[in-house]
Amino acid sequence: MICTRCGKRKAYTEAEAAALASKGGPVLPVGVCFLCAWQDPALQPELREYTQRKKAQTIRRARELLARPLELIDRLVKRFR
């Protein structure tokens, strides 16, 4: 489905919009791509909050993954002391 506003990008279908909303995301209008929705002043606060929340989750997961190998290395060093 092509975006009804810009006519260039892939737009969200009804199923994709419902899936995003069920995961805690913003409710996007059906038939509109993300960039056009981002430019809509009525949707901007919700989209900004959602993208910042997802960014924070991604950073937290990356830190957790980085911390685990370091913990393993610390345990190995303690064993050989």
N, C-alpha and C. Protein backbone atom coordinates (compact mmCIF):
# COMPACT_ATOMS: atom_id res chain seq x y z
N MET A 1 0.84 -1.17 0.00
CA MET A 1 0.00 0.00 0.00
C MET A 1 0.90 1.25 0.00
N ILE A 2 0.63 2.17 -0.87
CA ILE A 2 1.39 3.41 -0.99
C ILE A 2 0.73 4.49 -0.12
N CYS A 3 1.57 5.36 0.45
CA CYS A 3 1.09 6.45 1.31
C CYS A 3 0.12 7.35 0.55
N THR A 4 -0.98 7.67 1.19
CA THR A 4 -1.99 8.51 0.54
C THR A 4 -1.61 9.99 0.56
N ARG A 5 -0.66 10.36 1.42
CA ARG A 5 -0.25 11.77 1.50
C ARG A 5 0.87 12.10 0.52
N CYS A 6 1.94 11.31 0.54
CA CYS A 6 3.09 11.62 -0.32
C CYS A 6 3.08 10.81 -1.61
N GLY A 7 2.47 9.63 -1.60
CA GLY A 7 2.42 8.80 -2.78
C GLY A 7 3.74 8.14 -3.15
N LYS A 8 4.70 8.13 -2.20
CA LYS A 8 6.03 7.60 -2.50
C LYS A 8 6.38 6.35 -1.68
N ARG A 9 6.12 6.39 -0.41
CA ARG A 9 6.59 5.34 0.49
C ARG A 9 5.49 4.35 0.85
N LYS A 10 5.93 3.24 1.44
CA LYS A 10 5.00 2.21 1.89
C LYS A 10 4.24 2.73 3.12
N ALA A 11 2.95 2.61 3.10
CA ALA A 11 2.10 3.06 4.19
C ALA A 11 1.76 1.89 5.11
N TYR A 12 1.38 2.22 6.31
CA TYR A 12 0.95 1.20 7.27
C TYR A 12 -0.44 0.69 6.91
N THR A 13 -0.57 -0.63 6.94
CA THR A 13 -1.88 -1.23 6.73
C THR A 13 -2.61 -1.23 8.07
N GLU A 14 -3.85 -1.61 8.03
CA GLU A 14 -4.65 -1.66 9.26
C GLU A 14 -4.07 -2.67 10.25
N ALA A 15 -3.62 -3.81 9.76
CA ALA A 15 -3.05 -4.84 10.63
C ALA A 15 -1.73 -4.35 11.26
N GLU A 16 -0.88 -3.69 10.46
CA GLU A 16 0.39 -3.18 10.97
C GLU A 16 0.17 -2.08 12.01
N ALA A 17 -0.77 -1.20 11.77
CA ALA A 17 -1.08 -0.12 12.72
C ALA A 17 -1.62 -0.70 14.01
N ALA A 18 -2.47 -1.73 13.93
CA ALA A 18 -3.02 -2.36 15.13
C ALA A 18 -1.92 -3.10 15.90
N ALA A 19 -1.00 -3.75 15.18
CA ALA A 19 0.10 -4.45 15.85
C ALA A 19 1.01 -3.47 16.58
N LEU A 20 1.29 -2.33 15.97
CA LEU A 20 2.12 -1.31 16.61
C LEU A 20 1.44 -0.76 17.86
N ALA A 21 0.16 -0.51 17.76
CA ALA A 21 -0.59 0.01 18.91
C ALA A 21 -0.66 -1.01 20.03
N SER A 22 -0.76 -2.29 19.70
CA SER A 22 -0.83 -3.32 20.74
C SER A 22 0.49 -3.50 21.47
N LYS A 23 1.59 -3.08 20.84
CA LYS A 23 2.91 -3.15 21.47
C LYS A 23 3.23 -1.89 22.27
N GLY A 24 2.26 -1.01 22.39
CA GLY A 24 2.48 0.22 23.14
C GLY A 24 2.90 1.39 22.29
N GLY A 25 2.82 1.23 20.99
CA GLY A 25 3.21 2.30 20.08
C GLY A 25 2.06 3.26 19.84
N PRO A 26 2.32 4.31 19.09
CA PRO A 26 1.26 5.28 18.79
C PRO A 26 0.26 4.71 17.80
N VAL A 27 -0.92 5.27 17.81
CA VAL A 27 -1.96 4.86 16.87
C VAL A 27 -1.75 5.70 15.61
N LEU A 28 -1.30 5.05 14.56
CA LEU A 28 -1.04 5.74 13.29
C LEU A 28 -2.24 5.61 12.37
N PRO A 29 -2.50 6.65 11.58
CA PRO A 29 -3.59 6.54 10.62
C PRO A 29 -3.25 5.52 9.53
N VAL A 30 -4.22 4.75 9.14
CA VAL A 30 -4.03 3.74 8.11
C VAL A 30 -3.84 4.45 6.77
N GLY A 31 -2.89 3.96 5.98
CA GLY A 31 -2.66 4.52 4.66
C GLY A 31 -1.65 5.65 4.64
N VAL A 32 -0.95 5.87 5.78
CA VAL A 32 0.03 6.95 5.87
C VAL A 32 1.37 6.34 6.26
N CYS A 33 2.44 6.80 5.61
CA CYS A 33 3.78 6.29 5.95
C CYS A 33 4.27 6.96 7.23
N PHE A 34 5.35 6.44 7.79
CA PHE A 34 5.86 6.96 9.06
C PHE A 34 6.32 8.40 8.92
N LEU A 35 7.00 8.74 7.83
CA LEU A 35 7.51 10.11 7.67
C LEU A 35 6.38 11.13 7.56
N CYS A 36 5.34 10.79 6.86
CA CYS A 36 4.19 11.70 6.78
C CYS A 36 3.48 11.81 8.13
N ALA A 37 3.39 10.71 8.85
CA ALA A 37 2.79 10.74 10.18
C ALA A 37 3.66 11.59 11.11
N TRP A 38 4.98 11.50 10.96
CA TRP A 38 5.91 12.27 11.79
C TRP A 38 5.72 13.77 11.56
N GLN A 39 5.39 14.16 10.34
CA GLN A 39 5.22 15.58 10.02
C GLN A 39 3.87 16.12 10.46
N ASP A 40 2.96 15.25 10.85
CA ASP A 40 1.63 15.68 11.30
C ASP A 40 1.74 16.24 12.73
N PRO A 41 1.44 17.52 12.94
CA PRO A 41 1.59 18.12 14.27
C PRO A 41 0.76 17.43 15.36
N ALA A 42 -0.36 16.86 15.00
CA ALA A 42 -1.20 16.19 15.99
C ALA A 42 -0.56 14.89 16.48
N LEU A 43 0.23 14.23 15.64
CA LEU A 43 0.83 12.95 16.00
C LEU A 43 2.25 13.08 16.56
N GLN A 44 2.88 14.24 16.38
CA GLN A 44 4.28 14.39 16.78
C GLN A 44 4.57 14.07 18.24
N PRO A 45 3.79 14.56 19.21
CA PRO A 45 4.13 14.23 20.61
C PRO A 45 4.14 12.73 20.89
N GLU A 46 3.14 12.03 20.39
CA GLU A 46 3.08 10.58 20.59
C GLU A 46 4.25 9.87 19.93
N LEU A 47 4.56 10.27 18.70
CA LEU A 47 5.66 9.64 17.96
C LEU A 47 7.00 9.93 18.61
N ARG A 48 7.21 11.14 19.09
CA ARG A 48 8.47 11.47 19.76
C ARG A 48 8.64 10.64 21.03
N GLU A 49 7.58 10.54 21.81
CA GLU A 49 7.64 9.76 23.05
C GLU A 49 7.93 8.30 22.74
N TYR A 50 7.28 7.77 21.72
CA TYR A 50 7.46 6.36 21.35
C TYR A 50 8.89 6.11 20.87
N THR A 51 9.41 6.99 20.00
CA THR A 51 10.76 6.77 19.48
C THR A 51 11.81 6.92 20.58
N GLN A 52 11.60 7.84 21.50
CA GLN A 52 12.56 7.99 22.60
C GLN A 52 12.50 6.79 23.54
N ARG A 53 11.30 6.26 23.77
CA ARG A 53 11.17 5.07 24.62
C ARG A 53 11.84 3.86 23.98
N LYS A 54 11.64 3.69 22.67
CA LYS A 54 12.28 2.57 21.96
C LYS A 54 13.80 2.72 21.94
N LYS A 55 14.28 3.94 21.76
CA LYS A 55 15.72 4.20 21.78
C LYS A 55 16.31 3.85 23.14
N ALA A 56 15.62 4.24 24.21
CA ALA A 56 16.09 3.94 25.57
C ALA A 56 16.11 2.43 25.81
N GLN A 57 15.10 1.71 25.31
CA GLN A 57 15.06 0.25 25.45
C GLN A 57 16.22 -0.39 24.71
N THR A 58 16.51 0.08 23.51
CA THR A 58 17.60 -0.47 22.71
C THR A 58 18.94 -0.24 23.40
N ILE A 59 19.15 0.95 23.93
CA ILE A 59 20.40 1.25 24.63
C ILE A 59 20.52 0.40 25.88
N ARG A 60 19.43 0.25 26.62
CA ARG A 60 19.46 -0.58 27.84
C ARG A 60 19.80 -2.04 27.51
N ARG A 61 19.20 -2.56 26.45
CA ARG A 61 19.49 -3.95 26.05
C ARG A 61 20.94 -4.11 25.62
N ALA A 62 21.46 -3.13 24.88
CA ALA A 62 22.86 -3.18 24.44
C ALA A 62 23.80 -3.15 25.64
N ARG A 63 23.49 -2.33 26.61
CA ARG A 63 24.32 -2.27 27.82
C ARG A 63 24.28 -3.59 28.59
N GLU A 64 23.10 -4.19 28.65
CA GLU A 64 22.99 -5.48 29.33
C GLU A 64 23.81 -6.55 28.62
N LEU A 65 23.76 -6.55 27.29
CA LEU A 65 24.54 -7.53 26.53
C LEU A 65 26.03 -7.30 26.69
N LEU A 66 26.45 -6.06 26.76
CA LEU A 66 27.87 -5.76 26.96
C LEU A 66 28.32 -6.10 28.37
N ALA A 67 27.44 -5.96 29.34
CA ALA A 67 27.81 -6.22 30.73
C ALA A 67 28.01 -7.71 30.99
N ARG A 68 27.26 -8.54 30.34
CA ARG A 68 27.37 -9.98 30.59
C ARG A 68 28.74 -10.55 30.25
N PRO A 69 29.31 -10.26 29.08
CA PRO A 69 30.65 -10.78 28.81
C PRO A 69 31.69 -10.23 29.79
N LEU A 70 31.53 -8.99 30.22
CA LEU A 70 32.47 -8.43 31.18
C LEU A 70 32.37 -9.14 32.53
N GLU A 71 31.16 -9.50 32.92
CA GLU A 71 30.99 -10.26 34.16
C GLU A 71 31.67 -11.62 34.05
N LEU A 72 31.56 -12.26 32.92
CA LEU A 72 32.19 -13.56 32.69
C LEU A 72 33.71 -13.43 32.79
N ILE A 73 34.26 -12.40 32.19
CA ILE A 73 35.71 -12.17 32.24
C ILE A 73 36.14 -11.93 33.68
N ASP A 74 35.37 -11.15 34.43
CA ASP A 74 35.70 -10.90 35.83
C ASP A 74 35.72 -12.20 36.63
N ARG A 75 34.78 -13.07 36.39
CA ARG A 75 34.74 -14.36 37.10
C ARG A 75 35.96 -15.21 36.76
N LEU A 76 36.35 -15.22 35.49
CA LEU A 76 37.53 -15.99 35.10
C LEU A 76 38.79 -15.44 35.76
N VAL A 77 38.92 -14.14 35.81
CA VAL A 77 40.10 -13.53 36.44
C VAL A 77 40.14 -13.88 37.91
N LYS A 78 39.01 -13.85 38.58
CA LYS A 78 38.95 -14.20 40.01
C LYS A 78 39.35 -15.65 40.24
N ARG A 79 39.00 -16.53 39.33
CA ARG A 79 39.33 -17.95 39.47
C ARG A 79 40.85 -18.18 39.42
N PHE A 80 41.54 -17.42 38.59
CA PHE A 80 42.97 -17.64 38.41
C PHE A 80 43.82 -16.84 39.40
N ARG A 81 43.23 -16.09 40.29
CA ARG A 81 44.01 -15.35 41.29
C ARG A 81 44.42 -16.23 42.41
